[in-house]
Structures are given as structure tokens and as C-alpha cells.
Amino acid sequence: MTSLDGTAAIEAGQPADGAIDQATRAAWSAAGLYDPHAPRAAARLELLRWIASMGHTIEEMVEAAARGQLAALPGDAAMRPGTPRTSLRQIAAELDAPLDALETIRRASGLPPVDADAVVFTPSDVVMLRSFVAAATIFSTDELLHFTRVMGTSMRRIADAAREMFLLDVEEPIVRELEDSEIAVGRKSLEAVEMIGAAIAVFEPMFRAHLEESNRASRSARAGSRDFVTMPLAVGFVDLSGFTSQAERVSARELLDLVLAFEAQACDLVADHGGRVVKLIGDEVMYTTVDAWSACIIASRLVREVAAPTNAQPRGGVCFGPVVAHGGDLYGGMVNRAARMADVAVPGEVLVDAGVVHHVTNATPAGVSPLAFEPAGRRMLKGFSEAVALWSIAG
């Protein structure tokens, strides 16, 4: 309840009515949050009223303002909701798990260390750690931690992409178009955070669909084999030749547009042909398919279609053979060879090895257009002791 002198309202950071509101303004001014004589005093007052209406205290406002993130305070607070908060030491006791085991899980997930007695963990964090503890009874420690690292790095990339999307599509237009934009940015930030629930709802069905596709591809590639370490796959690399020098000649926005267009076309083409994008590294994409024909079509189309609208100079390399698949990544001589082949290809060329030629010749899917290859000689590839016979995809 608010007292007659407005003390409770001030301490809670919530503006009251009438004369008490003056006391709240005075408290904000004393805390360095509000200057009635500043050029944008009215906009700052509106922002403070909105933040206070969310129940945030003056202390929270001061701390956020010191970081230059006052408008983002409501959104930041809503990022990880849930009470009561607990500490990692308390969670370890509740789950009957070693404290260092929970710390190892957090480290593997890519999260920074926290004091074991810091009361910062939400009920959802407890559920997550409980799931890891249960998984440790089924899977080996090494495999579970490797999986956690893969999941953590993937989640961080998703989080970074979400933040960048907000900056480019929401915050930048507001800041550019509205002079007094703090409260607009703050409101939009809160709305974006409140959509986390919708994003999480997307994760499960998308994960299940990708898991189904992963199972399908693995079973198809490993058909008739009892080798659980390697499997035959087509591995393709396509990069933009001269990307580094081009980056020095264009603006940051043009560079971003080029990379985004390349990534979009690569992801679409790979998906259209039942493949998987293994990684995107700015000016390069690495992907896999079960059959060599699809990998060649992806590389050929990507080389042609990226070059047309952008004046970029893509080139590619495709190999087919046994690879080690682990943790969502691929390893082995075939992977290294495909990458080096892309390095020596001339702009507009896709080089392939003998494994691709043999597989396309003998195992091309029914009902698809045949491919032709032209001998490209034997080339020395970096890291390989002997020259490798190569072919170029014709047309």
C-alpha cells in the first residue's frame, strides 16, 4: 500500500497520483535518472513511468541506466522469468548430484561460471539440470558433454541471430525514424522477449522433424553396413572467390546483403535436394547429401545462381566417400579433400573426385538428368602428399 507521503511508492519505483507523483519525480532526479531541464525530459519521464509501472525499483533502474540499457530493463527482466530463484549448490542438493558435475554441464553448454551460492537459477534451470542428470544414467559422460557442447553452441548462434534480427528490423528503424525513441525501443524489446514462448514452441516440432530426417539420411547412407564410425556421404564446399578483397571495396551493408543472399540460396538449395548444411562460414558453405548426384547439382546451381545477381565469383569442390560423422560435424580425408578442391577451383568451376564420378555413373537416382564430367588433370592439394585426379562438372 502507498503511504500518505508516498514513501512506499517511491521505494517500489512506482509513480503514484497527484502530489505523490512529484515525490517520485524527485526520487528519480536524486538518483540521476531524470533531469527536468534536459532537452528530452518529457520522453525520459514517459520512459520512467512505463518502466516503473512494471514494478521495477529505482535501484534496478539506476543499474540498468549505468549500463546504458534503461529502456531494455523490462525486456531484460522478462528474459528468464520464474521464482523462487535458487543457487547451484541448492540444486545439487535437491538433485543429489555432485556440484562439480553441474558446473561441468554448464561449462559444456557454453554458459559462464557463477558462484555456487549465487541465487540466480530459475525453476526452469532446475528442470534442465534434472534432465541432464537423468541423461547421465543412460549416456557416457564424454558423449553427453559433447552433445551439450553442440547444443550450447547452436543455441548461442540462435540467440545471436534473434538479437541481430531485432537490431536490424526493429531497433534500427525506430532509432532512425523517431527522435525520442527510448520508450519505443523498450516496448518493442519487451514484445520481442515475450515472443520467446512462441519461439520455444517452434523448437520442438522443428527438432523432431530434423531428427526424423537425420535418421532417414543415416539409415540410407549406412544401408547394409555395420560400420558405426564412418558412413559414405557426398561432401560439398562452395565459397566466394575473392571475398576478402571484395569486402574491402563495398560497404558493411552491401557485404551483409551479399553474405545473407549466399547463405539463403545455399540453405534453400541444400534443403530442396534432401541434403544438410553442416556449417556456414561467412563466404563458404559446407553441406552433405547421401548421393553424389544431388551434391553436384547443389554446387553447380549455387555457383551459377549466386554469381548472376551479385557479381560474386563462387567455386566449389565435391567428394564422395567414407566420413566420420560426430556431434553434427564431419571429419576425415574426404572432408579435407573437398575443401582443398574448392580452394583450387577457378571461379565458376566445380571440381569433383573419382568417387563422385564413379557414384554418379553407377548410382544416379532414377528419373534425373544425367551429369557430364570433363577431366581437369591431377592437382596438388594442400595437405596431401600426392596429386589428386580431378574432374570438372560440364555445363
Protein backbone atom coordinates (compact mmCIF):
# COMPACT_ATOMS: atom_id res chain seq x y z
CA MET A 1 0.00 0.00 0.00
CA THR A 2 1.12 3.58 -0.62
CA SER A 3 1.62 5.74 2.46
CA LEU A 4 0.43 9.37 2.65
CA ASP A 5 3.88 10.73 1.97
CA GLY A 6 4.42 8.41 -1.00
CA THR A 7 7.39 6.58 0.57
CA ALA A 8 6.21 3.10 -0.42
CA ALA A 9 5.54 4.19 -3.98
CA ILE A 10 8.99 5.77 -4.25
CA GLU A 11 10.77 2.74 -2.79
CA ALA A 12 8.95 0.44 -5.18
CA GLY A 13 9.84 2.71 -8.06
CA GLN A 14 6.16 3.12 -8.94
CA PRO A 15 4.72 6.58 -9.58
CA ALA A 16 1.62 7.47 -7.58
CA ASP A 17 -1.07 10.07 -8.23
CA GLY A 18 -1.14 13.83 -7.59
CA ALA A 19 1.35 15.23 -5.13
CA ILE A 20 2.93 11.85 -4.54
CA ASP A 21 3.97 11.81 -8.20
CA GLN A 22 6.08 14.90 -7.51
CA ALA A 23 7.88 12.98 -4.77
CA THR A 24 8.54 10.14 -7.22
CA ARG A 25 9.97 12.58 -9.73
CA ALA A 26 12.20 13.99 -7.04
CA ALA A 27 13.42 10.49 -6.20
CA TRP A 28 14.18 9.81 -9.84
CA SER A 29 16.03 13.11 -10.10
CA ALA A 30 18.04 12.37 -6.95
CA ALA A 31 19.00 9.00 -8.43
CA GLY A 32 20.25 10.68 -11.60
CA LEU A 33 17.53 9.12 -13.74
CA TYR A 34 15.60 12.28 -14.59
CA ASP A 35 16.58 15.89 -15.27
CA PRO A 36 13.52 18.13 -15.73
CA HIS A 37 15.67 20.65 -17.63
CA ALA A 38 17.13 18.19 -20.13
CA PRO A 39 16.12 18.55 -23.82
CA ARG A 40 14.27 15.24 -23.77
CA ALA A 41 12.92 15.42 -20.26
CA ALA A 42 9.34 14.60 -21.29
CA ALA A 43 10.45 11.47 -23.19
CA ARG A 44 12.60 10.30 -20.27
CA LEU A 45 9.72 10.85 -17.83
CA GLU A 46 7.41 8.80 -20.04
CA LEU A 47 10.00 6.02 -20.15
CA LEU A 48 10.46 6.02 -16.36
CA ARG A 49 6.70 5.91 -15.79
CA TRP A 50 6.39 2.91 -18.11
CA ILE A 51 9.30 1.04 -16.53
CA ALA A 52 8.02 1.77 -13.02
CA SER A 53 4.57 0.51 -13.98
CA MET A 54 6.21 -2.89 -14.49
CA GLY A 55 7.20 -2.92 -10.84
CA HIS A 56 10.90 -2.19 -11.26
CA THR A 57 12.66 -0.43 -8.41
CA ILE A 58 14.76 2.70 -8.57
CA GLU A 59 17.82 0.58 -7.80
CA GLU A 60 17.12 -1.62 -10.82
CA MET A 61 16.64 1.47 -12.99
CA VAL A 62 19.92 3.01 -11.82
CA GLU A 63 21.81 -0.20 -12.50
CA ALA A 64 20.29 -0.52 -15.99
CA ALA A 65 20.98 3.15 -16.77
CA ALA A 66 24.62 2.71 -15.75
CA ARG A 67 24.88 0.00 -18.42
CA GLY A 68 23.18 2.26 -20.98
CA GLN A 69 20.23 -0.16 -21.11
CA LEU A 70 17.47 1.62 -19.21
CA ALA A 71 14.87 1.17 -21.96
CA ALA A 72 15.70 -2.54 -22.18
CA LEU A 73 15.13 -3.18 -18.44
CA PRO A 74 11.61 -4.66 -18.71
CA GLY A 75 12.63 -6.89 -21.62
CA ASP A 76 15.82 -7.99 -19.91
CA ALA A 77 13.91 -8.84 -16.73
CA ALA A 78 11.41 -10.90 -18.72
CA MET A 79 14.16 -12.85 -20.47
CA ARG A 80 14.38 -15.54 -17.78
CA PRO A 81 11.23 -15.38 -15.67
CA GLY A 82 10.46 -17.59 -12.73
CA THR A 83 10.58 -17.59 -8.96
CA PRO A 84 11.73 -18.56 -6.47
CA ARG A 85 15.37 -18.33 -7.51
CA THR A 86 17.87 -20.78 -6.11
CA SER A 87 21.61 -21.46 -6.15
CA LEU A 88 23.61 -24.15 -7.91
CA ARG A 89 24.62 -25.59 -4.54
CA GLN A 90 20.96 -25.90 -3.54
CA ILE A 91 20.13 -27.54 -6.87
CA ALA A 92 22.93 -30.07 -6.39
CA ALA A 93 21.50 -30.99 -3.01
CA GLU A 94 17.96 -31.24 -4.40
CA LEU A 95 19.05 -33.49 -7.28
CA ASP A 96 21.51 -35.45 -5.15
CA ALA A 97 24.17 -34.68 -7.77
CA PRO A 98 27.80 -33.57 -7.35
CA LEU A 99 28.18 -29.81 -7.55
CA ASP A 100 31.17 -30.10 -9.87
CA ALA A 101 29.09 -32.26 -12.26
CA LEU A 102 26.51 -29.47 -12.62
CA GLU A 103 29.27 -26.92 -13.10
CA THR A 104 30.76 -29.12 -15.84
CA ILE A 105 27.39 -29.32 -17.61
CA ARG A 106 27.04 -25.53 -17.55
CA ARG A 107 30.59 -25.08 -18.83
CA ALA A 108 29.96 -27.55 -21.66
CA SER A 109 26.80 -25.66 -22.62
CA GLY A 110 28.88 -22.51 -23.10
CA LEU A 111 27.48 -20.59 -20.14
CA PRO A 112 29.85 -18.55 -17.97
CA PRO A 113 30.64 -19.74 -14.43
CA VAL A 114 28.64 -18.39 -11.49
CA ASP A 115 29.25 -18.53 -7.77
CA ALA A 116 27.80 -21.75 -6.40
CA ASP A 117 25.87 -19.77 -3.77
CA ALA A 118 24.53 -17.08 -6.12
CA VAL A 119 20.72 -17.23 -6.05
CA VAL A 120 20.17 -16.79 -9.79
CA PHE A 121 18.69 -20.04 -11.08
CA THR A 122 15.04 -20.27 -12.10
CA PRO A 123 12.69 -23.27 -11.76
CA SER A 124 13.24 -23.91 -15.49
CA ASP A 125 17.00 -24.13 -14.88
CA VAL A 126 16.33 -26.81 -12.25
CA VAL A 127 14.24 -28.81 -14.74
CA MET A 128 17.01 -28.52 -17.34
CA LEU A 129 19.73 -29.70 -14.95
CA ARG A 130 17.50 -32.51 -13.73
CA SER A 131 17.20 -33.71 -17.34
CA PHE A 132 20.98 -33.72 -17.73
CA VAL A 133 21.41 -35.70 -14.52
CA ALA A 134 18.87 -38.27 -15.76
CA ALA A 135 20.59 -38.48 -19.15
CA ALA A 136 23.89 -39.24 -17.41
CA THR A 137 22.42 -42.57 -16.28
CA ILE A 138 21.99 -43.64 -19.93
CA PHE A 139 24.79 -42.00 -21.91
CA SER A 140 28.52 -41.90 -21.31
CA THR A 141 29.94 -38.72 -19.78
CA ASP A 142 32.05 -37.96 -22.85
CA GLU A 143 29.16 -38.30 -25.31
CA LEU A 144 26.75 -36.36 -23.11
CA LEU A 145 29.19 -33.48 -22.70
CA HIS A 146 29.92 -33.46 -26.42
CA PHE A 147 26.22 -33.31 -27.18
CA THR A 148 25.86 -30.50 -24.63
CA ARG A 149 28.62 -28.51 -26.33
CA VAL A 150 26.96 -28.92 -29.71
CA MET A 151 23.59 -27.90 -28.30
CA GLY A 152 25.08 -24.94 -26.41
CA THR A 153 26.94 -23.54 -29.40
CA SER A 154 23.85 -24.00 -31.57
CA MET A 155 21.62 -22.27 -29.03
CA ARG A 156 24.08 -19.38 -28.75
CA ARG A 157 24.02 -18.95 -32.51
CA ILE A 158 20.22 -18.95 -32.49
CA ALA A 159 20.22 -16.39 -29.68
CA ASP A 160 22.70 -14.18 -31.53
CA ALA A 161 20.65 -14.42 -34.72
CA ALA A 162 17.49 -13.45 -32.84
CA ARG A 163 19.24 -10.45 -31.30
CA GLU A 164 20.62 -9.36 -34.68
CA MET A 165 17.18 -9.69 -36.25
CA PHE A 166 15.76 -7.38 -33.57
CA LEU A 167 18.56 -4.83 -34.04
CA LEU A 168 18.19 -4.67 -37.82
CA ASP A 169 14.41 -4.96 -38.20
CA VAL A 170 13.14 -3.24 -35.06
CA GLU A 171 15.63 -1.11 -33.16
CA GLU A 172 17.44 0.45 -36.12
CA PRO A 173 14.25 1.72 -37.86
CA ILE A 174 12.90 3.12 -34.59
CA VAL A 175 16.12 4.94 -33.74
CA ARG A 176 16.43 6.24 -37.30
CA GLU A 177 12.84 7.46 -37.65
CA LEU A 178 11.94 8.60 -34.14
CA GLU A 179 13.97 11.24 -32.32
CA ASP A 180 12.69 10.33 -28.85
CA SER A 181 12.85 6.59 -29.29
CA GLU A 182 13.80 5.13 -25.91
CA ILE A 183 10.33 4.07 -24.88
CA ALA A 184 9.52 2.76 -28.38
CA VAL A 185 12.65 0.62 -28.33
CA GLY A 186 11.84 -0.51 -24.80
CA ARG A 187 8.29 -1.52 -25.69
CA LYS A 188 9.40 -3.39 -28.81
CA SER A 189 12.19 -5.09 -26.86
CA LEU A 190 9.68 -6.32 -24.30
CA GLU A 191 7.34 -7.52 -27.05
CA ALA A 192 10.20 -9.42 -28.68
CA VAL A 193 11.15 -11.11 -25.40
CA GLU A 194 7.53 -12.02 -24.77
CA MET A 195 7.63 -13.93 -28.07
CA ILE A 196 10.21 -16.33 -26.59
CA GLY A 197 7.38 -18.66 -25.66
CA ALA A 198 6.30 -18.79 -29.30
CA ALA A 199 9.89 -19.43 -30.39
CA ILE A 200 10.25 -22.30 -27.92
CA ALA A 201 7.04 -23.79 -29.30
CA VAL A 202 8.75 -23.84 -32.72
CA PHE A 203 11.85 -25.64 -31.43
CA GLU A 204 10.24 -28.98 -30.54
CA PRO A 205 8.43 -29.77 -33.82
CA MET A 206 11.39 -28.48 -35.83
CA PHE A 207 13.81 -30.61 -33.79
CA ARG A 208 11.65 -33.70 -34.20
CA ALA A 209 11.41 -33.12 -37.97
CA HIS A 210 15.18 -32.70 -38.26
CA LEU A 211 15.75 -35.79 -36.12
CA GLU A 212 13.50 -37.77 -38.45
CA GLU A 213 15.45 -36.52 -41.47
CA SER A 214 18.75 -37.29 -39.75
CA ASN A 215 17.61 -40.85 -39.08
CA ARG A 216 16.44 -41.24 -42.66
CA ALA A 217 19.72 -39.98 -44.14
CA SER A 218 21.88 -42.03 -41.77
CA ARG A 219 19.98 -45.25 -42.45
CA SER A 220 20.10 -44.67 -46.18
CA ALA A 221 23.84 -43.94 -46.18
CA ARG A 222 24.62 -46.86 -43.86
CA ALA A 223 22.34 -49.38 -45.59
CA GLY A 224 23.87 -52.85 -45.33
CA SER A 225 26.82 -51.64 -43.26
CA ARG A 226 27.72 -52.46 -39.67
CA ASP A 227 30.32 -49.67 -39.51
CA PHE A 228 29.18 -47.33 -36.74
CA VAL A 229 32.19 -45.00 -37.05
CA THR A 230 32.11 -43.93 -40.70
CA MET A 231 29.50 -43.72 -43.43
CA PRO A 232 29.65 -42.87 -47.15
CA LEU A 233 28.46 -39.39 -47.97
CA ALA A 234 28.92 -36.72 -50.60
CA VAL A 235 30.61 -33.66 -49.09
CA GLY A 236 30.46 -30.32 -50.86
CA PHE A 237 32.11 -26.95 -50.32
CA VAL A 238 31.22 -23.77 -52.18
CA ASP A 239 32.93 -20.47 -51.43
CA LEU A 240 33.10 -16.97 -52.87
CA SER A 241 36.46 -16.48 -54.53
CA GLY A 242 37.98 -13.08 -53.83
CA PHE A 243 35.59 -12.42 -50.96
CA THR A 244 38.29 -10.83 -48.78
CA SER A 245 39.30 -8.27 -51.41
CA GLN A 246 35.66 -7.61 -52.27
CA ALA A 247 34.91 -6.95 -48.61
CA GLU A 248 37.38 -4.08 -48.70
CA ARG A 249 35.61 -2.43 -51.66
CA VAL A 250 31.99 -2.45 -50.51
CA SER A 251 30.10 -1.03 -47.55
CA ALA A 252 29.26 -3.06 -44.47
CA ARG A 253 25.60 -3.15 -45.56
CA GLU A 254 26.46 -4.41 -49.04
CA LEU A 255 28.73 -7.05 -47.54
CA LEU A 256 25.98 -8.20 -45.19
CA ASP A 257 23.48 -8.36 -48.07
CA LEU A 258 25.92 -10.48 -50.11
CA VAL A 259 26.53 -12.94 -47.28
CA LEU A 260 22.83 -13.22 -46.43
CA ALA A 261 21.91 -13.82 -50.08
CA PHE A 262 24.61 -16.50 -50.39
CA GLU A 263 23.52 -18.24 -47.17
CA ALA A 264 19.83 -18.11 -48.14
CA GLN A 265 20.44 -19.65 -51.57
CA ALA A 266 22.75 -22.29 -50.13
CA CYS A 267 20.30 -23.35 -47.43
CA ASP A 268 17.37 -23.44 -49.86
CA LEU A 269 19.22 -25.48 -52.50
CA VAL A 270 20.57 -27.98 -49.98
CA ALA A 271 17.12 -28.45 -48.43
CA ASP A 272 15.49 -28.82 -51.86
CA HIS A 273 17.78 -31.76 -52.60
CA GLY A 274 17.44 -33.52 -49.24
CA GLY A 275 20.89 -32.53 -48.02
CA ARG A 276 22.14 -30.93 -44.84
CA VAL A 277 24.06 -27.73 -44.30
CA VAL A 278 26.88 -28.68 -41.95
CA LYS A 279 28.19 -25.16 -41.44
CA LEU A 280 28.16 -21.68 -42.88
CA ILE A 281 31.38 -19.70 -42.53
CA GLY A 282 30.60 -16.28 -43.96
CA ASP A 283 31.74 -16.75 -47.55
CA GLU A 284 31.66 -20.57 -47.54
CA VAL A 285 29.09 -23.33 -47.11
CA MET A 286 29.79 -26.97 -46.28
CA TYR A 287 27.00 -29.46 -46.92
CA THR A 288 26.35 -33.18 -47.33
CA THR A 289 24.00 -35.40 -49.27
CA VAL A 290 23.52 -39.16 -49.35
CA ASP A 291 24.02 -39.35 -53.13
CA ALA A 292 26.74 -37.67 -55.19
CA TRP A 293 24.37 -36.52 -57.96
CA SER A 294 22.45 -34.24 -55.57
CA ALA A 295 25.68 -32.79 -54.18
CA CYS A 296 26.85 -31.93 -57.71
CA ILE A 297 23.55 -30.30 -58.64
CA ILE A 298 23.62 -28.19 -55.48
CA ALA A 299 27.16 -26.98 -56.15
CA SER A 300 26.51 -26.29 -59.85
CA ARG A 301 23.34 -24.33 -59.24
CA LEU A 302 24.84 -22.42 -56.33
CA VAL A 303 27.84 -21.41 -58.45
CA ARG A 304 25.55 -20.17 -61.24
CA GLU A 305 22.76 -18.58 -59.23
CA VAL A 306 24.90 -16.71 -56.70
CA ALA A 307 27.13 -15.23 -59.40
CA ALA A 308 24.27 -13.90 -61.54
CA PRO A 309 22.80 -11.15 -59.31
CA THR A 310 25.83 -10.31 -57.15
CA ASN A 311 28.93 -10.33 -59.39
CA ALA A 312 30.39 -12.75 -56.86
CA GLN A 313 32.76 -15.47 -58.04
CA PRO A 314 31.68 -18.76 -56.44
CA ARG A 315 33.52 -22.05 -56.95
CA GLY A 316 33.14 -25.49 -55.46
CA GLY A 317 34.51 -28.91 -54.65
CA VAL A 318 32.60 -32.20 -54.15
CA CYS A 319 33.89 -35.55 -52.89
CA PHE A 320 32.23 -38.87 -52.19
CA GLY A 321 33.49 -41.44 -49.72
CA PRO A 322 33.62 -42.52 -46.08
CA VAL A 323 33.49 -39.75 -43.48
CA VAL A 324 33.42 -39.69 -39.71
CA ALA A 325 30.17 -38.11 -38.52
CA HIS A 326 30.06 -36.98 -34.91
CA GLY A 327 28.41 -34.22 -32.97
CA GLY A 328 26.74 -32.80 -36.07
CA ASP A 329 30.11 -32.29 -37.80
CA LEU A 330 32.13 -34.33 -40.29
CA TYR A 331 35.78 -35.34 -40.24
CA GLY A 332 38.23 -37.28 -42.39
CA GLY A 333 40.19 -37.22 -45.61
CA MET A 334 37.12 -36.77 -47.83
CA VAL A 335 36.15 -33.61 -45.96
CA ASN A 336 39.63 -32.12 -46.22
CA ARG A 337 39.90 -33.06 -49.88
CA ALA A 338 36.59 -31.40 -50.82
CA ALA A 339 37.62 -28.20 -49.03
CA ARG A 340 41.02 -28.10 -50.79
CA MET A 341 39.40 -28.82 -54.15
CA ALA A 342 37.18 -25.78 -53.73
CA ASP A 343 40.31 -23.76 -52.94
CA VAL A 344 41.99 -24.67 -56.26
CA ALA A 345 38.89 -24.40 -58.46
CA VAL A 346 38.72 -21.35 -60.71
CA PRO A 347 35.71 -19.02 -60.33
CA GLY A 348 32.62 -20.64 -61.79
CA GLU A 349 34.08 -24.16 -61.64
CA VAL A 350 33.02 -27.16 -59.56
CA LEU A 351 35.69 -29.84 -59.18
CA VAL A 352 34.87 -33.43 -58.23
CA ASP A 353 36.96 -36.51 -57.40
CA ALA A 354 36.94 -40.08 -58.71
CA GLY A 355 34.48 -41.16 -56.01
CA VAL A 356 31.89 -38.69 -57.29
CA VAL A 357 32.36 -39.68 -60.93
CA HIS A 358 32.04 -43.36 -60.06
CA HIS A 359 28.99 -42.89 -57.84
CA VAL A 360 27.16 -40.62 -60.30
CA THR A 361 27.92 -43.03 -63.15
CA ASN A 362 26.72 -46.10 -61.26
CA ALA A 363 24.18 -44.83 -58.75
CA THR A 364 22.40 -41.82 -60.24
CA PRO A 365 18.82 -41.62 -58.90
CA ALA A 366 16.19 -42.73 -61.41
CA GLY A 367 14.41 -40.04 -63.40
CA VAL A 368 17.02 -37.29 -63.03
CA SER A 369 19.10 -35.50 -65.64
CA PRO A 370 22.48 -37.13 -66.29
CA LEU A 371 25.68 -35.27 -65.49
CA ALA A 372 28.79 -34.96 -67.62
CA PHE A 373 32.33 -34.51 -66.35
CA GLU A 374 35.44 -33.19 -68.05
CA PRO A 375 38.95 -34.26 -66.94
CA ALA A 376 40.66 -31.47 -65.01
CA GLY A 377 44.04 -33.14 -64.59
CA ARG A 378 45.89 -34.11 -61.46
CA ARG A 379 46.31 -31.35 -58.89
CA MET A 380 48.42 -30.99 -55.79
CA LEU A 381 46.14 -30.15 -52.87
CA LYS A 382 47.38 -28.54 -49.69
CA GLY A 383 47.97 -31.17 -47.01
CA PHE A 384 48.05 -34.10 -49.46
CA SER A 385 51.30 -35.81 -50.38
CA GLU A 386 50.25 -36.93 -53.85
CA ALA A 387 48.45 -35.25 -56.73
CA VAL A 388 44.72 -36.00 -56.93
CA ALA A 389 42.88 -36.76 -60.17
CA LEU A 390 40.02 -34.30 -60.63
CA TRP A 391 37.13 -33.67 -62.98
CA SER A 392 35.05 -30.57 -63.64
CA ILE A 393 31.27 -30.67 -63.88
CA ALA A 394 30.44 -29.82 -67.51
CA GLY A 395 27.91 -27.11 -68.21
